[in-house]
Amino acid sequence: MRNIGGKLLILLIVAFMVAFAGVGCTKYASEEDLQTLEQQRQAALSAEKKVTELERKKADLEREKAVQQSKVDAAKEEKAKVEQRMQERGTAEEQPESQMMEGGQ
């Protein structure tokens, strides 16, 4: 999210530079300048709100990802246990057959 914050800061700096580019050497801001600044302030507030919302969504998704990953890990462990039991059973079943073959010869 730092990347979004950095982009927002650069956007605000550029916006203020553009806003003040046409300002003369008076000590008072014109009505147009004040309106432009207010619009930029509102845009910045809106962007900050959006960043906060997206950061919250990202955190929620990261939590959900962790939950899902733990489920995947548990399923992999269960699969490994089942495969191990199947191999043990297969080995146990093969032993009597091989013993029967040896005894039958």
N, C-alpha and C. Protein backbone atom coordinates (compact mmCIF):
# COMPACT_ATOMS: atom_id res chain seq x y z
N MET A 1 0.82 -1.20 0.00
CA MET A 1 0.00 0.00 0.00
C MET A 1 0.86 1.27 0.00
N ARG A 2 2.14 1.15 0.34
CA ARG A 2 3.02 2.31 0.32
C ARG A 2 3.11 2.88 -1.08
N ASN A 3 3.05 2.01 -2.06
CA ASN A 3 3.14 2.44 -3.44
C ASN A 3 1.98 3.37 -3.79
N ILE A 4 0.79 3.03 -3.33
CA ILE A 4 -0.38 3.88 -3.59
C ILE A 4 -0.23 5.21 -2.86
N GLY A 5 0.26 5.18 -1.63
CA GLY A 5 0.47 6.40 -0.86
C GLY A 5 1.50 7.29 -1.52
N GLY A 6 2.56 6.70 -2.06
CA GLY A 6 3.59 7.47 -2.75
C GLY A 6 3.05 8.11 -4.00
N LYS A 7 2.25 7.36 -4.74
CA LYS A 7 1.65 7.90 -5.96
C LYS A 7 0.69 9.03 -5.62
N LEU A 8 -0.04 8.87 -4.52
CA LEU A 8 -0.97 9.91 -4.10
C LEU A 8 -0.22 11.18 -3.74
N LEU A 9 0.90 11.04 -3.05
CA LEU A 9 1.70 12.20 -2.67
C LEU A 9 2.23 12.91 -3.91
N ILE A 10 2.74 12.15 -4.86
CA ILE A 10 3.25 12.75 -6.10
C ILE A 10 2.12 13.46 -6.84
N LEU A 11 0.95 12.84 -6.89
CA LEU A 11 -0.20 13.46 -7.55
C LEU A 11 -0.56 14.78 -6.89
N LEU A 12 -0.56 14.81 -5.56
CA LEU A 12 -0.90 16.04 -4.85
C LEU A 12 0.14 17.12 -5.10
N ILE A 13 1.42 16.76 -5.10
CA ILE A 13 2.47 17.74 -5.35
C ILE A 13 2.33 18.34 -6.75
N VAL A 14 2.10 17.48 -7.73
CA VAL A 14 1.93 17.96 -9.10
C VAL A 14 0.70 18.85 -9.20
N ALA A 15 -0.37 18.46 -8.54
CA ALA A 15 -1.61 19.25 -8.58
C ALA A 15 -1.38 20.64 -7.98
N PHE A 16 -0.67 20.71 -6.87
CA PHE A 16 -0.40 22.01 -6.26
C PHE A 16 0.55 22.83 -7.12
N MET A 17 1.49 22.20 -7.76
CA MET A 17 2.40 22.94 -8.64
C MET A 17 1.62 23.55 -9.81
N VAL A 18 0.73 22.77 -10.38
CA VAL A 18 -0.09 23.27 -11.48
C VAL A 18 -1.00 24.40 -10.99
N ALA A 19 -1.57 24.23 -9.80
CA ALA A 19 -2.48 25.24 -9.26
C ALA A 19 -1.76 26.56 -9.02
N PHE A 20 -0.52 26.49 -8.57
CA PHE A 20 0.21 27.71 -8.25
C PHE A 20 1.03 28.24 -9.42
N ALA A 21 1.05 27.53 -10.54
CA ALA A 21 1.83 27.98 -11.69
C ALA A 21 1.31 29.32 -12.24
N GLY A 22 0.03 29.53 -12.21
CA GLY A 22 -0.54 30.75 -12.76
C GLY A 22 -0.73 31.85 -11.74
N VAL A 23 -0.27 31.65 -10.52
CA VAL A 23 -0.47 32.63 -9.47
C VAL A 23 0.56 33.75 -9.64
N GLY A 24 0.07 34.95 -9.56
CA GLY A 24 0.96 36.11 -9.69
C GLY A 24 1.61 36.44 -8.36
N CYS A 25 2.11 37.61 -8.25
CA CYS A 25 2.84 38.03 -7.05
C CYS A 25 1.95 38.82 -6.09
N THR A 26 0.71 38.41 -5.95
CA THR A 26 -0.15 39.08 -5.00
C THR A 26 -0.13 38.32 -3.69
N LYS A 27 -0.46 38.99 -2.62
CA LYS A 27 -0.45 38.29 -1.35
C LYS A 27 -1.79 37.65 -1.03
N TYR A 28 -2.79 37.83 -1.89
CA TYR A 28 -4.10 37.22 -1.69
C TYR A 28 -4.41 36.28 -2.84
N ALA A 29 -5.07 35.17 -2.50
CA ALA A 29 -5.47 34.21 -3.53
C ALA A 29 -6.78 34.68 -4.17
N SER A 30 -6.89 34.44 -5.47
CA SER A 30 -8.14 34.81 -6.15
C SER A 30 -9.21 33.78 -5.81
N GLU A 31 -10.45 34.11 -6.12
CA GLU A 31 -11.56 33.20 -5.87
C GLU A 31 -11.38 31.91 -6.68
N GLU A 32 -10.90 32.06 -7.89
CA GLU A 32 -10.66 30.89 -8.74
C GLU A 32 -9.59 29.98 -8.12
N ASP A 33 -8.53 30.60 -7.58
CA ASP A 33 -7.47 29.82 -6.92
C ASP A 33 -8.02 29.08 -5.70
N LEU A 34 -8.86 29.75 -4.95
CA LEU A 34 -9.45 29.12 -3.76
C LEU A 34 -10.35 27.94 -4.14
N GLN A 35 -11.10 28.13 -5.22
CA GLN A 35 -11.97 27.03 -5.68
C GLN A 35 -11.14 25.84 -6.16
N THR A 36 -10.07 26.15 -6.87
CA THR A 36 -9.19 25.09 -7.35
C THR A 36 -8.57 24.34 -6.18
N LEU A 37 -8.12 25.07 -5.18
CA LEU A 37 -7.53 24.44 -4.01
C LEU A 37 -8.55 23.58 -3.27
N GLU A 38 -9.76 24.07 -3.16
CA GLU A 38 -10.81 23.30 -2.48
C GLU A 38 -11.11 22.01 -3.25
N GLN A 39 -11.17 22.12 -4.57
CA GLN A 39 -11.42 20.92 -5.38
C GLN A 39 -10.29 19.91 -5.20
N GLN A 40 -9.06 20.41 -5.16
CA GLN A 40 -7.92 19.52 -4.97
C GLN A 40 -7.93 18.91 -3.57
N ARG A 41 -8.33 19.69 -2.60
CA ARG A 41 -8.41 19.17 -1.23
C ARG A 41 -9.45 18.05 -1.16
N GLN A 42 -10.60 18.28 -1.81
CA GLN A 42 -11.65 17.26 -1.82
C GLN A 42 -11.17 16.00 -2.55
N ALA A 43 -10.46 16.19 -3.63
CA ALA A 43 -9.93 15.05 -4.38
C ALA A 43 -8.92 14.27 -3.53
N ALA A 44 -8.08 15.00 -2.80
CA ALA A 44 -7.09 14.34 -1.94
C ALA A 44 -7.78 13.57 -0.82
N LEU A 45 -8.79 14.16 -0.21
CA LEU A 45 -9.54 13.46 0.85
C LEU A 45 -10.21 12.20 0.31
N SER A 46 -10.78 12.32 -0.87
CA SER A 46 -11.44 11.17 -1.49
C SER A 46 -10.42 10.08 -1.79
N ALA A 47 -9.26 10.47 -2.29
CA ALA A 47 -8.21 9.49 -2.60
C ALA A 47 -7.71 8.82 -1.33
N GLU A 48 -7.54 9.58 -0.26
CA GLU A 48 -7.10 9.00 1.01
C GLU A 48 -8.13 8.01 1.55
N LYS A 49 -9.40 8.36 1.40
CA LYS A 49 -10.46 7.45 1.85
C LYS A 49 -10.43 6.16 1.04
N LYS A 50 -10.20 6.28 -0.26
CA LYS A 50 -10.13 5.11 -1.13
C LYS A 50 -8.94 4.24 -0.75
N VAL A 51 -7.80 4.87 -0.45
CA VAL A 51 -6.61 4.12 -0.04
C VAL A 51 -6.89 3.35 1.24
N THR A 52 -7.52 3.99 2.20
CA THR A 52 -7.85 3.33 3.46
C THR A 52 -8.79 2.15 3.22
N GLU A 53 -9.76 2.34 2.37
CA GLU A 53 -10.71 1.27 2.04
C GLU A 53 -9.99 0.10 1.38
N LEU A 54 -9.10 0.40 0.45
CA LEU A 54 -8.36 -0.66 -0.25
C LEU A 54 -7.40 -1.39 0.69
N GLU A 55 -6.79 -0.66 1.61
CA GLU A 55 -5.91 -1.30 2.60
C GLU A 55 -6.71 -2.25 3.49
N ARG A 56 -7.91 -1.84 3.86
CA ARG A 56 -8.77 -2.70 4.68
C ARG A 56 -9.15 -3.96 3.90
N LYS A 57 -9.51 -3.79 2.63
CA LYS A 57 -9.87 -4.94 1.80
C LYS A 57 -8.67 -5.87 1.64
N LYS A 58 -7.49 -5.30 1.46
CA LYS A 58 -6.28 -6.11 1.30
C LYS A 58 -6.04 -6.94 2.57
N ALA A 59 -6.18 -6.33 3.73
CA ALA A 59 -6.00 -7.04 4.99
C ALA A 59 -7.01 -8.17 5.12
N ASP A 60 -8.26 -7.91 4.75
CA ASP A 60 -9.30 -8.95 4.81
C ASP A 60 -8.95 -10.12 3.88
N LEU A 61 -8.49 -9.78 2.67
CA LEU A 61 -8.14 -10.83 1.71
C LEU A 61 -6.92 -11.63 2.18
N GLU A 62 -5.97 -10.95 2.81
CA GLU A 62 -4.80 -11.66 3.32
C GLU A 62 -5.19 -12.62 4.45
N ARG A 63 -6.12 -12.20 5.30
CA ARG A 63 -6.61 -13.09 6.36
C ARG A 63 -7.32 -14.30 5.74
N GLU A 64 -8.16 -14.05 4.76
CA GLU A 64 -8.89 -15.13 4.10
C GLU A 64 -7.91 -16.08 3.39
N LYS A 65 -6.88 -15.53 2.79
CA LYS A 65 -5.88 -16.35 2.12
C LYS A 65 -5.19 -17.26 3.15
N ALA A 66 -4.86 -16.73 4.31
CA ALA A 66 -4.22 -17.53 5.35
C ALA A 66 -5.12 -18.66 5.81
N VAL A 67 -6.41 -18.38 5.96
CA VAL A 67 -7.37 -19.42 6.36
C VAL A 67 -7.43 -20.51 5.30
N GLN A 68 -7.54 -20.10 4.04
CA GLN A 68 -7.63 -21.06 2.95
C GLN A 68 -6.33 -21.87 2.83
N GLN A 69 -5.19 -21.22 3.03
CA GLN A 69 -3.91 -21.92 2.95
C GLN A 69 -3.80 -22.97 4.05
N SER A 70 -4.30 -22.64 5.24
CA SER A 70 -4.25 -23.63 6.32
C SER A 70 -5.14 -24.83 6.00
N LYS A 71 -6.26 -24.58 5.34
CA LYS A 71 -7.13 -25.69 4.92
C LYS A 71 -6.42 -26.56 3.88
N VAL A 72 -5.74 -25.93 2.95
CA VAL A 72 -5.00 -26.67 1.93
C VAL A 72 -3.91 -27.52 2.58
N ASP A 73 -3.18 -26.92 3.52
CA ASP A 73 -2.12 -27.64 4.21
C ASP A 73 -2.68 -28.84 4.98
N ALA A 74 -3.80 -28.64 5.64
CA ALA A 74 -4.43 -29.74 6.39
C ALA A 74 -4.87 -30.85 5.43
N ALA A 75 -5.40 -30.48 4.28
CA ALA A 75 -5.83 -31.48 3.30
C ALA A 75 -4.63 -32.25 2.75
N LYS A 76 -3.51 -31.55 2.53
CA LYS A 76 -2.30 -32.23 2.04
C LYS A 76 -1.78 -33.21 3.09
N GLU A 77 -1.81 -32.82 4.35
CA GLU A 77 -1.38 -33.72 5.42
C GLU A 77 -2.27 -34.96 5.47
N GLU A 78 -3.57 -34.76 5.37
CA GLU A 78 -4.51 -35.88 5.39
C GLU A 78 -4.28 -36.80 4.20
N LYS A 79 -4.04 -36.22 3.05
CA LYS A 79 -3.77 -37.01 1.84
C LYS A 79 -2.51 -37.86 2.04
N ALA A 80 -1.47 -37.26 2.60
CA ALA A 80 -0.22 -37.99 2.84
C ALA A 80 -0.45 -39.15 3.81
N LYS A 81 -1.26 -38.93 4.84
CA LYS A 81 -1.56 -39.99 5.80
C LYS A 81 -2.32 -41.13 5.13
N VAL A 82 -3.29 -40.79 4.31
CA VAL A 82 -4.09 -41.81 3.62
C VAL A 82 -3.20 -42.60 2.66
N GLU A 83 -2.33 -41.90 1.92
CA GLU A 83 -1.44 -42.60 1.01
C GLU A 83 -0.50 -43.52 1.77
N GLN A 84 -0.01 -43.09 2.92
CA GLN A 84 0.86 -43.91 3.74
C GLN A 84 0.13 -45.17 4.21
N ARG A 85 -1.11 -45.01 4.66
CA ARG A 85 -1.90 -46.17 5.11
C ARG A 85 -2.15 -47.13 3.95
N MET A 86 -2.41 -46.56 2.76
CA MET A 86 -2.65 -47.41 1.59
C MET A 86 -1.40 -48.20 1.24
N GLN A 87 -0.25 -47.56 1.33
CA GLN A 87 1.00 -48.26 1.04
C GLN A 87 1.25 -49.35 2.07
N GLU A 88 0.98 -49.05 3.33
CA GLU A 88 1.17 -50.05 4.39
C GLU A 88 0.25 -51.24 4.18
N ARG A 89 -0.98 -50.98 3.82
CA ARG A 89 -1.94 -52.06 3.57
C ARG A 89 -1.54 -52.86 2.35
N GLY A 90 -1.08 -52.17 1.32
CA GLY A 90 -0.64 -52.86 0.10
C GLY A 90 0.54 -53.74 0.39
N THR A 91 1.47 -53.28 1.19
CA THR A 91 2.64 -54.06 1.57
C THR A 91 2.22 -55.24 2.42
N ALA A 92 1.31 -55.04 3.35
CA ALA A 92 0.83 -56.10 4.23
C ALA A 92 0.10 -57.17 3.42
N GLU A 93 -0.63 -56.80 2.41
CA GLU A 93 -1.37 -57.75 1.58
C GLU A 93 -0.43 -58.52 0.67
N GLU A 94 0.64 -57.90 0.22
CA GLU A 94 1.59 -58.56 -0.68
C GLU A 94 2.42 -59.61 0.07
N GLN A 95 2.71 -59.41 1.32
CA GLN A 95 3.54 -60.34 2.09
C GLN A 95 2.92 -61.74 2.16
N PRO A 96 1.64 -61.87 2.51
CA PRO A 96 1.08 -63.23 2.55
C PRO A 96 1.12 -63.91 1.19
N GLU A 97 0.92 -63.19 0.11
CA GLU A 97 0.96 -63.78 -1.22
C GLU A 97 2.36 -64.32 -1.51
N SER A 98 3.37 -63.52 -1.19
CA SER A 98 4.73 -63.95 -1.47
C SER A 98 5.09 -65.15 -0.59
N GLN A 99 4.58 -65.19 0.63
CA GLN A 99 4.84 -66.33 1.51
C GLN A 99 4.14 -67.58 0.98
N MET A 100 2.93 -67.37 0.43
CA MET A 100 2.20 -68.51 -0.12
C MET A 100 2.92 -69.07 -1.34
N MET A 101 3.48 -68.20 -2.16
CA MET A 101 4.19 -68.63 -3.34
C MET A 101 5.45 -69.41 -2.95
N GLU A 102 6.14 -68.94 -1.94
CA GLU A 102 7.34 -69.61 -1.48
C GLU A 102 7.00 -70.98 -0.90
N GLY A 103 5.93 -71.03 -0.14
CA GLY A 103 5.52 -72.29 0.50
C GLY A 103 4.97 -73.27 -0.52
N GLY A 104 4.38 -72.81 -1.60
CA GLY A 104 3.77 -73.67 -2.60
C GLY A 104 4.79 -74.27 -3.53
N GLN A 105 6.01 -73.81 -3.58
CA GLN A 105 7.02 -74.32 -4.51
C GLN A 105 7.66 -75.54 -4.02
